[in-house]
Protein backbone atom coordinates (compact mmCIF):
# COMPACT_ATOMS: atom_id res chain seq x y z
CA MET A 1 133.60 165.14 16.52
CA ILE A 2 131.29 167.75 15.11
CA GLU A 3 131.15 166.59 12.05
CA GLN A 4 126.93 166.14 12.44
CA PRO A 5 126.70 169.72 13.34
CA LEU A 6 128.95 171.08 10.95
CA LYS A 7 126.85 169.51 8.23
CA ASN A 8 124.06 170.78 9.69
CA TYR A 9 125.50 174.24 10.03
CA ILE A 10 126.80 173.83 6.40
CA LYS A 11 123.36 172.74 4.90
CA ASN A 12 121.13 175.34 7.07
CA ALA A 13 122.87 178.10 5.42
CA LEU A 14 123.00 177.04 1.75
CA ASP A 15 120.32 177.54 -0.61
CA ASN A 16 120.78 174.90 -3.05
CA ASP A 17 119.71 171.58 -4.07
CA MET A 18 122.48 169.60 -2.57
CA TYR A 19 122.60 165.76 -0.42
CA TYR A 20 124.93 166.39 2.99
CA THR A 21 126.12 163.49 4.59
CA ILE A 22 128.76 162.96 7.11
CA ASN A 23 131.48 160.46 6.53
CA TYR A 24 130.23 158.86 3.61
CA SER A 25 128.50 158.83 0.83
CA SER A 26 126.30 156.74 -1.27
CA VAL A 27 125.41 159.11 -3.88
CA ASN A 28 128.06 160.89 -6.51
CA ASP A 29 126.46 163.82 -7.88
CA ASN A 30 125.08 166.96 -6.03
CA ILE A 31 126.55 166.12 -2.56
CA VAL A 32 128.94 167.83 0.59
CA THR A 33 129.92 165.37 2.74
CA VAL A 34 131.47 166.00 5.68
CA TYR A 35 134.85 163.81 6.68
CA SER A 36 135.94 163.38 10.18
CA GLU A 37 139.81 163.37 10.44
CA SER A 38 142.56 162.96 13.32
CA GLY A 39 143.98 166.38 13.71
CA GLU A 40 146.50 166.63 16.23
CA ARG A 41 147.24 164.92 19.24
CA PRO A 42 145.28 165.14 22.62
CA SER A 43 146.81 166.49 25.51
CA SER A 44 147.45 164.44 28.73
CA TYR A 45 145.57 167.80 30.41
CA LYS A 46 141.82 167.43 30.96
CA GLY A 47 140.14 170.81 29.88
CA VAL A 48 142.39 171.78 27.12
CA LEU A 49 141.14 172.66 23.84
CA ILE A 50 141.08 169.89 20.89
CA LYS A 51 141.93 170.44 17.55
CA PRO A 52 140.15 167.75 15.24
CA ASN A 53 140.63 168.48 11.72
CA TYR A 54 137.84 167.82 9.19
CA GLN A 55 137.35 167.70 5.34
CA VAL A 56 134.93 168.76 3.37
CA LEU A 57 134.11 167.32 -0.51
CA ILE A 58 132.18 168.60 -2.74
CA LYS A 59 131.14 166.91 -5.77
CA SER A 60 128.51 167.96 -8.45
CA SER A 61 128.18 167.45 -12.57
CA ASN A 62 127.38 170.80 -13.12
CA PHE A 63 131.00 172.64 -12.83
CA GLU A 64 129.63 175.90 -11.64
CA LYS A 65 127.43 174.75 -9.21
CA ALA A 66 130.74 172.82 -7.25
CA TYR A 67 132.89 175.58 -7.50
CA ASN A 68 129.92 178.13 -6.34
CA VAL A 69 129.06 175.64 -3.27
CA ALA A 70 132.72 175.01 -2.53
CA ASP A 71 133.29 179.04 -2.31
CA LYS A 72 130.60 179.25 -0.61
CA ILE A 73 131.23 176.52 2.38
CA TYR A 74 134.98 178.47 2.14
CA ASN A 75 133.62 181.26 2.87
CA LEU A 76 131.10 180.49 5.51
CA LEU A 77 133.38 178.47 7.93
CA HIS A 78 136.79 179.63 7.53
CA GLN A 79 137.00 181.83 10.98
CA LEU A 80 133.92 180.90 12.11
CA GLN A 81 134.36 181.90 16.00
CA ASP A 82 132.61 181.71 19.12
CA ILE A 83 129.73 179.56 18.57
CA THR A 84 127.98 176.16 20.18
CA MET A 85 127.70 172.98 18.75
CA THR A 86 125.84 169.90 19.67
CA VAL A 87 126.01 166.29 18.76
CA GLN A 88 122.98 164.12 18.76
CA LEU A 89 124.21 160.81 19.99
CA ASP A 90 121.55 157.59 20.54
CA ASP A 91 121.77 158.30 24.33
CA ARG A 92 123.27 161.35 24.96
CA GLU A 93 123.94 165.29 23.64
CA LEU A 94 127.63 166.28 23.32
CA ASN A 95 127.88 170.23 23.66
CA PHE A 96 131.26 171.98 22.32
CA LYS A 97 132.42 175.38 22.48
CA VAL A 98 133.60 176.11 19.23
CA TYR A 99 136.68 178.58 19.62
CA SER A 100 137.51 178.47 15.40
CA ILE A 101 137.30 176.92 12.57
CA GLU A 102 140.57 177.72 9.69
CA ALA A 103 140.60 176.54 6.39
CA LEU A 104 144.27 174.99 5.95
CA HIS A 105 144.13 176.16 2.15
CA LEU A 106 141.51 177.47 -0.43
CA PRO A 107 139.10 175.60 -2.16
CA ALA A 108 141.38 172.85 -4.22
CA ARG A 109 140.01 171.22 -7.31
CA LEU A 110 140.36 167.55 -7.53
CA GLY A 111 139.28 167.06 -10.97
CA VAL A 112 136.84 165.27 -13.25
CA ASP A 113 136.07 161.44 -12.28
CA GLU A 114 135.11 159.07 -15.25
CA ASP A 115 131.46 160.36 -14.88
CA LYS A 116 132.50 163.72 -14.86
CA ILE A 117 131.46 165.07 -11.67
CA MET A 118 134.06 167.94 -10.77
CA SER A 119 135.26 167.23 -7.01
CA TYR A 120 136.87 170.16 -4.49
CA SER A 121 138.05 169.67 -1.59
CA ILE A 122 138.40 171.84 1.40
CA ASN A 123 140.43 171.27 5.18
CA PHE A 124 139.31 172.95 8.14
CA GLN A 125 141.29 172.60 11.46
CA THR A 126 138.63 173.33 14.30
CA TYR A 127 139.81 174.55 18.03
CA ILE A 128 136.65 172.98 20.33
CA LYS A 129 136.24 171.60 24.20
CA GLU A 130 133.45 170.10 25.22
CA ILE A 131 130.92 172.02 27.83
CA LYS A 132 130.49 170.09 30.85
CA HIS A 133 127.73 170.84 33.35
CA GLY A 134 127.53 174.06 32.24
CA ARG A 135 131.11 175.09 32.27
CA GLU A 136 133.27 176.37 29.18
């Protein structure tokens, strides 16, 4: 759903030399990746809020940088409310009203991998609704 605008929102707000991707990464160092997750089951009714989850994975060989970026992302997104995010598809745009983004936990240190890259993870639940024909 909104992993693309979430990635862009993070990238535009942070002042650092990280790479930014969605749902995959071919780079292992200095990277922020936003993954979409299933979240809660959608309602059977039209026009109801949906609650997809997103995982933000932060990786850097500079351990302090990894921590600082994770902390900034947590503070940027946790309790973010009442914004509109646009998803750009090949043939159309989808607009979503983001009622709320809530972190499900503090940044979790995943540890150091075999390449000496420190990783942090933050999971977020969103409360969103597609805006159709100018109506929320």
